């Protein structure tokens, strides 16, 4: 849905956005989202095209959007369960040990992305019948923006999210105070949209 009515685009709230009022959820990482401490709304850039002229080239709007990475920081639990969730996802995508690791990644999402597991080969891209459903490779994610009274009001919905980097963990016996371990993960995705909380449709405000 595109919002073009200028009257409906007047400010509805005089309050400022607080960096602590948010909730992040990602279907494939339930143990990670519980410990999430920071997440960003990625920036976007359009780029510029140049129209040649005999005098000076004229800048024109580009036609391809570039999205920055979705970055999330989370506290690591003492059993490293949430850290292993992301590590296992990355391992399944890269399958450094065996092609069966990719098959396990596909199978692990069968409860959320039902597929005919018997048709999945040990080698990615090689199946007995048709094409392998790639749904379990990705995950949708939602960043909910909360009001000052902790009521969700706006959602940023990310499509086809997958991790690309996971930071390491540094243990240190000489640490003076207990500074609990945190990790940062970067995701790529197809696109993100804004939506009113609970709405089945997204919206775009056009200037």
Protein backbone atom coordinates (compact mmCIF):
# COMPACT_ATOMS: atom_id res chain seq x y z
CA UNK A 1 0.00 0.00 0.00
CA UNK A 2 1.35 3.43 -0.96
CA UNK A 3 0.46 6.48 1.13
CA UNK A 4 0.19 9.62 -1.01
CA UNK A 5 -2.40 11.76 0.82
CA UNK A 6 -0.53 14.69 2.39
CA UNK A 7 -3.16 15.14 5.11
CA UNK A 8 -2.75 11.56 6.28
CA UNK A 9 1.05 12.05 6.49
CA UNK A 10 1.03 14.69 9.21
CA UNK A 11 2.86 13.72 12.43
CA UNK A 12 0.71 11.59 14.73
CA UNK A 13 3.21 11.54 17.60
CA UNK A 14 5.39 14.24 19.13
CA UNK A 15 7.53 11.74 21.05
CA UNK A 16 11.06 10.86 19.96
CA UNK A 17 12.19 7.34 19.11
CA UNK A 18 14.04 5.62 21.95
CA UNK A 19 16.92 3.27 21.03
CA UNK A 20 15.90 0.86 23.80
CA UNK A 21 12.25 0.43 22.78
CA UNK A 22 12.32 -2.53 20.41
CA UNK A 23 11.83 -6.27 20.10
CA UNK A 24 13.51 -8.45 17.49
CA UNK A 25 12.21 -11.83 16.40
CA UNK A 26 13.63 -14.26 13.87
CA UNK A 27 11.87 -17.55 13.20
CA UNK A 28 14.97 -19.70 12.81
CA UNK A 29 16.78 -18.44 15.93
CA UNK A 30 14.40 -18.57 18.93
CA UNK A 31 17.25 -18.88 21.46
CA UNK A 32 19.12 -15.95 19.94
CA UNK A 33 16.23 -13.48 19.82
CA UNK A 34 15.61 -13.92 23.58
CA UNK A 35 19.10 -12.52 24.33
CA UNK A 36 19.14 -9.80 21.65
CA UNK A 37 20.57 -6.52 22.96
CA UNK A 38 21.04 -4.46 19.79
CA UNK A 39 19.83 -4.47 16.20
CA UNK A 40 19.76 -1.92 13.39
CA UNK A 41 17.45 -0.74 10.67
CA UNK A 42 19.87 -1.02 7.73
CA UNK A 43 20.57 1.97 5.58
CA UNK A 44 19.89 2.01 1.86
CA UNK A 45 21.50 3.78 -1.07
CA UNK A 46 20.24 4.33 -4.60
CA UNK A 47 23.37 5.36 -6.42
CA UNK A 48 23.66 7.93 -9.19
CA UNK A 49 23.71 7.67 -12.94
CA UNK A 50 25.39 10.28 -15.15
CA UNK A 51 23.81 11.72 -18.29
CA UNK A 52 26.61 12.89 -20.60
CA UNK A 53 26.33 16.34 -22.17
CA UNK A 54 28.78 18.48 -24.15
CA UNK A 55 29.25 20.66 -21.06
CA UNK A 56 28.75 18.96 -17.71
CA UNK A 57 27.43 15.50 -16.98
CA UNK A 58 24.02 15.68 -15.31
CA UNK A 59 23.36 13.48 -12.31
CA UNK A 60 20.28 11.26 -12.55
CA UNK A 61 18.72 8.97 -9.93
CA UNK A 62 20.08 5.46 -10.00
CA UNK A 63 17.82 2.47 -10.55
CA UNK A 64 19.21 -0.15 -8.16
CA UNK A 65 18.89 -0.03 -4.39
CA UNK A 66 21.72 -1.30 -2.21
CA UNK A 67 20.82 -2.43 1.31
CA UNK A 68 23.28 -2.46 4.20
CA UNK A 69 23.64 -5.56 6.36
CA UNK A 70 21.20 -6.35 9.14
CA UNK A 71 23.40 -6.49 12.26
CA UNK A 72 22.36 -7.99 15.58
CA UNK A 73 24.22 -8.20 18.90
CA UNK A 74 23.19 -10.72 21.55
CA UNK A 75 24.30 -11.95 24.96
CA UNK A 76 25.73 -15.46 24.83
CA UNK A 77 24.25 -17.99 27.25
CA UNK A 78 26.64 -20.08 29.36
CA UNK A 79 25.93 -23.25 27.35
CA UNK A 80 26.57 -21.41 24.08
CA UNK A 81 23.22 -22.67 22.80
CA UNK A 82 22.28 -19.46 21.02
CA UNK A 83 25.79 -19.11 19.59
CA UNK A 84 25.57 -22.65 18.25
CA UNK A 85 22.23 -21.89 16.57
CA UNK A 86 23.90 -19.38 14.27
CA UNK A 87 27.06 -21.44 13.91
CA UNK A 88 24.98 -24.41 12.79
CA UNK A 89 23.09 -22.27 10.26
CA UNK A 90 26.36 -20.99 8.78
CA UNK A 91 27.82 -24.48 8.81
CA UNK A 92 24.83 -25.82 6.92
CA UNK A 93 25.14 -23.10 4.29
CA UNK A 94 28.87 -23.63 3.83
CA UNK A 95 28.96 -27.42 4.51
CA UNK A 96 32.75 -27.45 5.10
CA UNK A 97 32.79 -31.03 6.37
CA UNK A 98 30.37 -32.88 4.13
CA UNK A 99 27.47 -32.22 1.77
CA UNK A 100 25.22 -33.92 4.32
CA UNK A 101 25.44 -30.73 6.43
CA UNK A 102 23.39 -28.89 3.80
CA UNK A 103 20.84 -31.70 3.82
CA UNK A 104 20.60 -31.42 7.61
CA UNK A 105 19.97 -27.67 7.30
CA UNK A 106 17.08 -28.32 4.91
CA UNK A 107 15.65 -31.05 7.15
CA UNK A 108 15.90 -28.92 10.30
CA UNK A 109 13.33 -26.49 8.93
CA UNK A 110 10.78 -29.10 7.90
CA UNK A 111 8.44 -28.11 10.75
CA UNK A 112 8.29 -24.51 9.48
CA UNK A 113 8.90 -25.20 5.78
CA UNK A 114 7.39 -28.63 4.98
CA UNK A 115 9.14 -30.37 2.12
CA UNK A 116 9.44 -33.91 0.82
CA UNK A 117 12.66 -34.78 2.61
CA UNK A 118 13.00 -38.04 0.73
CA UNK A 119 13.66 -36.10 -2.47
CA UNK A 120 16.62 -34.16 -1.01
CA UNK A 121 20.02 -35.47 -2.03
CA UNK A 122 23.18 -35.31 0.06
CA UNK A 123 24.49 -32.87 -2.53
CA UNK A 124 22.88 -29.39 -2.74
CA UNK A 125 21.17 -28.83 -6.06
CA UNK A 126 20.90 -32.55 -6.82
CA UNK A 127 17.47 -34.03 -6.13
CA UNK A 128 15.55 -37.10 -7.25
CA UNK A 129 12.28 -35.34 -8.00
CA UNK A 130 12.06 -31.69 -9.00
CA UNK A 131 13.85 -28.85 -7.24
CA UNK A 132 14.73 -28.69 -3.55
CA UNK A 133 12.63 -26.20 -1.58
CA UNK A 134 15.08 -23.53 -0.38
CA UNK A 135 12.73 -22.20 2.32
CA UNK A 136 14.69 -23.69 5.25
CA UNK A 137 17.86 -21.95 4.03
CA UNK A 138 16.33 -18.56 4.83
CA UNK A 139 14.28 -17.09 7.65
CA UNK A 140 12.00 -14.10 7.94
CA UNK A 141 12.65 -11.61 10.74
CA UNK A 142 10.68 -8.77 12.32
CA UNK A 143 11.90 -5.73 14.21
CA UNK A 144 9.05 -4.34 16.32
CA UNK A 145 9.30 -0.69 17.37
CA UNK A 146 7.71 0.00 20.75
CA UNK A 147 6.17 3.15 22.14
CA UNK A 148 7.23 4.75 25.43
CA UNK A 149 4.63 2.47 27.07
CA UNK A 150 6.17 -0.62 25.44
CA UNK A 151 3.32 -1.12 23.00
CA UNK A 152 4.33 -2.34 19.52
CA UNK A 153 3.34 0.20 16.90
CA UNK A 154 5.51 -0.33 13.82
CA UNK A 155 7.17 -3.40 12.31
CA UNK A 156 10.11 -3.68 9.97
CA UNK A 157 9.76 -7.00 8.17
CA UNK A 158 12.83 -8.60 6.60
CA UNK A 159 12.45 -11.22 3.88
CA UNK A 160 14.73 -14.18 3.17
CA UNK A 161 17.29 -13.51 5.90
CA UNK A 162 20.50 -15.57 6.15
CA UNK A 163 23.72 -15.06 8.15
CA UNK A 164 27.03 -14.16 6.54
CA UNK A 165 29.35 -13.47 9.52
CA UNK A 166 29.45 -14.39 13.20
CA UNK A 167 31.93 -12.75 15.56
CA UNK A 168 34.24 -14.79 17.78
CA UNK A 169 34.18 -15.11 21.57
CA UNK A 170 37.12 -13.93 23.70
CA UNK A 171 37.65 -15.60 27.08
CA UNK A 172 40.05 -13.95 29.54
CA UNK A 173 41.10 -15.13 33.02
CA UNK A 174 42.58 -11.70 33.78
CA UNK A 175 39.33 -9.78 33.41
CA UNK A 176 38.71 -7.59 36.47
CA UNK A 177 34.91 -7.44 36.43
CA UNK A 178 32.48 -9.91 34.95
CA UNK A 179 31.78 -8.59 31.48
CA UNK A 180 29.45 -11.16 29.97
CA UNK A 181 30.21 -12.35 26.48
CA UNK A 182 28.35 -10.89 23.53
CA UNK A 183 28.46 -11.83 19.87
CA UNK A 184 27.51 -10.01 16.70
CA UNK A 185 26.00 -11.57 13.59
CA UNK A 186 25.54 -9.93 10.18
CA UNK A 187 22.66 -10.97 7.94
CA UNK A 188 21.84 -10.44 4.31
CA UNK A 189 18.26 -10.42 3.06
CA UNK A 190 16.14 -9.71 -0.01
CA UNK A 191 14.34 -6.56 1.14
CA UNK A 192 12.64 -5.04 4.16
CA UNK A 193 9.27 -3.30 4.46
CA UNK A 194 7.46 -1.17 7.03
CA UNK A 195 4.06 -2.17 8.37
CA UNK A 196 1.66 -1.22 11.11
CA UNK A 197 1.78 -3.83 13.87
CA UNK A 198 -0.74 -6.57 13.20
CA UNK A 199 -1.37 -5.49 9.61
CA UNK A 200 -1.22 -8.07 6.83
CA UNK A 201 0.05 -5.45 4.37
CA UNK A 202 3.10 -3.20 4.25
CA UNK A 203 3.11 0.50 3.42
CA UNK A 204 5.32 2.91 1.51
CA UNK A 205 5.14 6.67 2.04
CA UNK A 206 5.75 8.48 -1.25
CA UNK A 207 6.92 12.09 -1.15
